[in-house]
Amino acid sequence: METLSGLCLAYHESQYNSSALGTSNPDGSRDLGLFQISDKWWCLWDKASITTCDVTCDKFLDEDLADDIRCVKKIFKEHKKLQGNGFEA
């Protein structure tokens, strides 16, 4: 993912707010942090899991963006493989 695309994504998802907590989705999931990463697919609240982004969900709500960036790159890569376009995630 290019830097400019990532900046645009962060602005449109959270207005650059690393602690943004989205409203509850119809399925009860929440979107978290700077990139609004879904707690349904990419993290667990009670433990880190290598099948997700290997961090607990609260890590997407703090000011340390390293784990957020690693995860959003993983999401982009997975969706690019599956759908041909990583931004469809």
N, C-alpha and C. Protein backbone atom coordinates (compact mmCIF):
# COMPACT_ATOMS: atom_id res chain seq x y z
N MET A 1 0.84 -1.16 0.00
CA MET A 1 0.00 0.00 0.00
C MET A 1 0.90 1.23 0.00
N GLU A 2 0.57 2.17 -0.81
CA GLU A 2 1.36 3.38 -0.90
C GLU A 2 1.04 4.31 0.28
N THR A 3 2.01 5.13 0.65
CA THR A 3 1.86 6.03 1.79
C THR A 3 0.69 6.99 1.61
N LEU A 4 0.55 7.60 0.45
CA LEU A 4 -0.53 8.55 0.22
C LEU A 4 -1.88 7.87 0.34
N SER A 5 -2.01 6.66 -0.18
CA SER A 5 -3.27 5.92 -0.06
C SER A 5 -3.58 5.64 1.40
N GLY A 6 -2.56 5.27 2.17
CA GLY A 6 -2.74 5.01 3.59
C GLY A 6 -3.18 6.24 4.35
N LEU A 7 -2.63 7.40 4.00
CA LEU A 7 -3.03 8.65 4.65
C LEU A 7 -4.47 9.00 4.33
N CYS A 8 -4.87 8.80 3.09
CA CYS A 8 -6.25 9.06 2.69
C CYS A 8 -7.21 8.12 3.41
N LEU A 9 -6.83 6.86 3.50
CA LEU A 9 -7.64 5.86 4.19
C LEU A 9 -7.82 6.25 5.66
N ALA A 10 -6.73 6.62 6.32
CA ALA A 10 -6.78 6.99 7.74
C ALA A 10 -7.67 8.22 7.95
N TYR A 11 -7.59 9.18 7.05
CA TYR A 11 -8.42 10.37 7.18
C TYR A 11 -9.90 10.03 7.03
N HIS A 12 -10.24 9.29 6.00
CA HIS A 12 -11.65 8.99 5.74
C HIS A 12 -12.25 8.00 6.73
N GLU A 13 -11.43 7.15 7.31
CA GLU A 13 -11.95 6.19 8.29
C GLU A 13 -12.08 6.79 9.68
N SER A 14 -11.13 7.64 10.11
CA SER A 14 -11.13 8.09 11.51
C SER A 14 -10.77 9.56 11.69
N GLN A 15 -10.55 10.31 10.62
CA GLN A 15 -10.07 11.69 10.70
C GLN A 15 -8.78 11.75 11.52
N TYR A 16 -7.92 10.74 11.32
CA TYR A 16 -6.61 10.61 11.97
C TYR A 16 -6.70 10.42 13.49
N ASN A 17 -7.80 9.87 13.97
CA ASN A 17 -8.00 9.64 15.40
C ASN A 17 -7.64 8.20 15.72
N SER A 18 -6.51 8.00 16.39
CA SER A 18 -6.04 6.64 16.68
C SER A 18 -6.90 5.93 17.72
N SER A 19 -7.73 6.66 18.45
CA SER A 19 -8.59 6.03 19.45
C SER A 19 -10.05 5.97 19.01
N ALA A 20 -10.31 6.17 17.71
CA ALA A 20 -11.68 6.14 17.21
C ALA A 20 -12.30 4.76 17.40
N LEU A 21 -13.51 4.75 17.93
CA LEU A 21 -14.26 3.52 18.13
C LEU A 21 -15.56 3.66 17.36
N GLY A 22 -15.68 2.88 16.28
CA GLY A 22 -16.87 2.97 15.44
C GLY A 22 -18.12 2.51 16.17
N THR A 23 -19.27 2.95 15.67
CA THR A 23 -20.52 2.49 16.24
C THR A 23 -20.69 1.01 15.95
N SER A 24 -21.54 0.37 16.70
CA SER A 24 -21.76 -1.06 16.54
C SER A 24 -22.34 -1.36 15.16
N ASN A 25 -21.74 -2.32 14.45
CA ASN A 25 -22.24 -2.76 13.16
C ASN A 25 -23.47 -3.66 13.38
N PRO A 26 -24.25 -3.91 12.32
CA PRO A 26 -25.44 -4.77 12.47
C PRO A 26 -25.15 -6.14 13.09
N ASP A 27 -23.95 -6.67 12.89
CA ASP A 27 -23.59 -7.97 13.45
C ASP A 27 -23.00 -7.88 14.86
N GLY A 28 -22.96 -6.67 15.42
CA GLY A 28 -22.44 -6.47 16.76
C GLY A 28 -20.95 -6.18 16.82
N SER A 29 -20.24 -6.26 15.71
CA SER A 29 -18.81 -5.97 15.68
C SER A 29 -18.57 -4.47 15.73
N ARG A 30 -17.32 -4.09 16.03
CA ARG A 30 -16.93 -2.68 16.07
C ARG A 30 -15.70 -2.49 15.20
N ASP A 31 -15.55 -1.28 14.66
CA ASP A 31 -14.37 -0.92 13.89
C ASP A 31 -13.52 -0.01 14.76
N LEU A 32 -12.21 -0.27 14.75
CA LEU A 32 -11.33 0.31 15.77
C LEU A 32 -10.17 1.12 15.20
N GLY A 33 -9.90 2.24 15.84
CA GLY A 33 -8.67 2.98 15.62
C GLY A 33 -8.56 3.75 14.33
N LEU A 34 -7.34 4.10 14.03
CA LEU A 34 -6.99 4.94 12.90
C LEU A 34 -7.54 4.43 11.57
N PHE A 35 -7.44 3.12 11.35
CA PHE A 35 -7.87 2.52 10.09
C PHE A 35 -9.23 1.83 10.20
N GLN A 36 -9.86 1.91 11.37
CA GLN A 36 -11.15 1.27 11.62
C GLN A 36 -11.12 -0.22 11.29
N ILE A 37 -10.22 -0.92 11.94
CA ILE A 37 -10.01 -2.36 11.77
C ILE A 37 -11.09 -3.11 12.53
N SER A 38 -11.75 -4.04 11.88
CA SER A 38 -12.87 -4.77 12.46
C SER A 38 -12.44 -5.74 13.55
N ASP A 39 -13.13 -5.67 14.68
CA ASP A 39 -12.84 -6.64 15.75
C ASP A 39 -13.48 -8.00 15.45
N LYS A 40 -14.27 -8.08 14.43
CA LYS A 40 -14.87 -9.37 14.05
C LYS A 40 -13.84 -10.27 13.36
N TRP A 41 -13.01 -9.67 12.53
CA TRP A 41 -12.10 -10.46 11.69
C TRP A 41 -10.63 -10.37 12.08
N TRP A 42 -10.19 -9.27 12.70
CA TRP A 42 -8.76 -9.01 12.77
C TRP A 42 -8.16 -8.95 14.16
N CYS A 43 -8.97 -9.07 15.20
CA CYS A 43 -8.42 -9.08 16.56
C CYS A 43 -9.40 -9.73 17.52
N LEU A 44 -8.90 -10.06 18.70
CA LEU A 44 -9.72 -10.58 19.79
C LEU A 44 -9.49 -9.66 20.98
N TRP A 45 -10.52 -9.44 21.79
CA TRP A 45 -10.38 -8.54 22.93
C TRP A 45 -9.58 -9.16 24.07
N ASP A 46 -9.65 -10.47 24.22
CA ASP A 46 -9.06 -11.10 25.40
C ASP A 46 -7.69 -11.74 25.18
N LYS A 47 -7.26 -11.91 23.93
CA LYS A 47 -5.95 -12.51 23.69
C LYS A 47 -5.49 -12.23 22.26
N ALA A 48 -4.19 -12.31 22.05
CA ALA A 48 -3.63 -12.16 20.71
C ALA A 48 -3.75 -13.50 19.99
N SER A 49 -3.98 -13.46 18.70
CA SER A 49 -4.14 -14.69 17.92
C SER A 49 -3.42 -14.55 16.59
N ILE A 50 -2.60 -15.52 16.24
CA ILE A 50 -1.87 -15.43 14.98
C ILE A 50 -2.79 -15.60 13.77
N THR A 51 -4.02 -16.07 13.97
CA THR A 51 -4.95 -16.17 12.85
C THR A 51 -5.57 -14.82 12.51
N THR A 52 -5.41 -13.85 13.40
CA THR A 52 -5.88 -12.50 13.14
C THR A 52 -4.64 -11.62 12.90
N CYS A 53 -4.55 -10.48 13.55
CA CYS A 53 -3.37 -9.63 13.40
C CYS A 53 -2.38 -9.78 14.55
N ASP A 54 -2.58 -10.78 15.38
CA ASP A 54 -1.66 -11.14 16.47
C ASP A 54 -1.51 -10.05 17.53
N VAL A 55 -2.58 -9.30 17.77
CA VAL A 55 -2.63 -8.33 18.87
C VAL A 55 -4.04 -8.35 19.45
N THR A 56 -4.18 -7.86 20.67
CA THR A 56 -5.51 -7.70 21.23
C THR A 56 -6.14 -6.43 20.64
N CYS A 57 -7.46 -6.40 20.61
CA CYS A 57 -8.17 -5.29 19.97
C CYS A 57 -7.83 -3.92 20.55
N ASP A 58 -7.58 -3.85 21.85
CA ASP A 58 -7.28 -2.56 22.46
C ASP A 58 -6.02 -1.91 21.88
N LYS A 59 -5.15 -2.71 21.26
CA LYS A 59 -3.93 -2.17 20.65
C LYS A 59 -4.24 -1.26 19.45
N PHE A 60 -5.43 -1.40 18.87
CA PHE A 60 -5.81 -0.53 17.75
C PHE A 60 -6.39 0.80 18.22
N LEU A 61 -6.48 0.98 19.53
CA LEU A 61 -7.06 2.21 20.08
C LEU A 61 -6.02 3.09 20.78
N ASP A 62 -4.76 2.66 20.79
CA ASP A 62 -3.72 3.46 21.44
C ASP A 62 -2.95 4.30 20.42
N GLU A 63 -1.96 5.03 20.90
CA GLU A 63 -1.20 5.92 20.02
C GLU A 63 -0.03 5.23 19.32
N ASP A 64 0.29 4.00 19.69
CA ASP A 64 1.35 3.24 19.02
C ASP A 64 0.76 2.68 17.73
N LEU A 65 1.17 3.22 16.61
CA LEU A 65 0.58 2.85 15.32
C LEU A 65 1.29 1.69 14.62
N ALA A 66 2.38 1.20 15.17
CA ALA A 66 3.13 0.14 14.51
C ALA A 66 2.28 -1.10 14.28
N ASP A 67 1.53 -1.53 15.30
CA ASP A 67 0.68 -2.72 15.13
C ASP A 67 -0.50 -2.45 14.20
N ASP A 68 -1.03 -1.24 14.21
CA ASP A 68 -2.12 -0.87 13.30
C ASP A 68 -1.63 -0.97 11.85
N ILE A 69 -0.46 -0.42 11.59
CA ILE A 69 0.09 -0.41 10.23
C ILE A 69 0.40 -1.83 9.77
N ARG A 70 0.99 -2.66 10.64
CA ARG A 70 1.24 -4.06 10.29
C ARG A 70 -0.06 -4.77 9.92
N CYS A 71 -1.09 -4.53 10.70
CA CYS A 71 -2.36 -5.20 10.46
C CYS A 71 -3.03 -4.71 9.18
N VAL A 72 -3.04 -3.42 8.95
CA VAL A 72 -3.70 -2.92 7.75
C VAL A 72 -2.96 -3.39 6.49
N LYS A 73 -1.65 -3.56 6.58
CA LYS A 73 -0.90 -4.14 5.46
C LYS A 73 -1.30 -5.59 5.24
N LYS A 74 -1.50 -6.33 6.34
CA LYS A 74 -1.94 -7.72 6.23
C LYS A 74 -3.33 -7.79 5.60
N ILE A 75 -4.23 -6.93 6.05
CA ILE A 75 -5.59 -6.90 5.51
C ILE A 75 -5.56 -6.59 4.02
N PHE A 76 -4.78 -5.58 3.64
CA PHE A 76 -4.66 -5.20 2.23
C PHE A 76 -4.15 -6.38 1.40
N LYS A 77 -3.10 -7.03 1.89
CA LYS A 77 -2.50 -8.15 1.16
C LYS A 77 -3.49 -9.31 1.02
N GLU A 78 -4.19 -9.66 2.09
CA GLU A 78 -5.16 -10.76 2.05
C GLU A 78 -6.29 -10.46 1.07
N HIS A 79 -6.82 -9.25 1.12
CA HIS A 79 -7.92 -8.90 0.22
C HIS A 79 -7.47 -8.77 -1.22
N LYS A 80 -6.22 -8.37 -1.42
CA LYS A 80 -5.70 -8.31 -2.79
C LYS A 80 -5.63 -9.71 -3.38
N LYS A 81 -5.19 -10.69 -2.56
CA LYS A 81 -5.15 -12.08 -3.03
C LYS A 81 -6.55 -12.60 -3.32
N LEU A 82 -7.48 -12.31 -2.45
CA LEU A 82 -8.82 -12.86 -2.56
C LEU A 82 -9.69 -12.16 -3.61
N GLN A 83 -9.57 -10.84 -3.68
CA GLN A 83 -10.48 -10.06 -4.51
C GLN A 83 -9.80 -9.27 -5.62
N GLY A 84 -8.48 -9.29 -5.64
CA GLY A 84 -7.76 -8.53 -6.67
C GLY A 84 -7.58 -7.07 -6.33
N ASN A 85 -8.19 -6.61 -5.23
CA ASN A 85 -8.09 -5.21 -4.83
C ASN A 85 -8.09 -5.14 -3.31
N GLY A 86 -6.97 -4.79 -2.74
CA GLY A 86 -6.84 -4.73 -1.30
C GLY A 86 -7.68 -3.66 -0.65
N PHE A 87 -8.05 -2.64 -1.39
CA PHE A 87 -8.85 -1.55 -0.82
C PHE A 87 -10.32 -1.93 -0.66
N GLU A 88 -10.74 -3.05 -1.21
CA GLU A 88 -12.12 -3.49 -1.04
C GLU A 88 -12.38 -3.94 0.39
N ALA A 89 -11.33 -4.15 1.16
CA ALA A 89 -11.51 -4.53 2.56
C ALA A 89 -12.16 -3.40 3.30
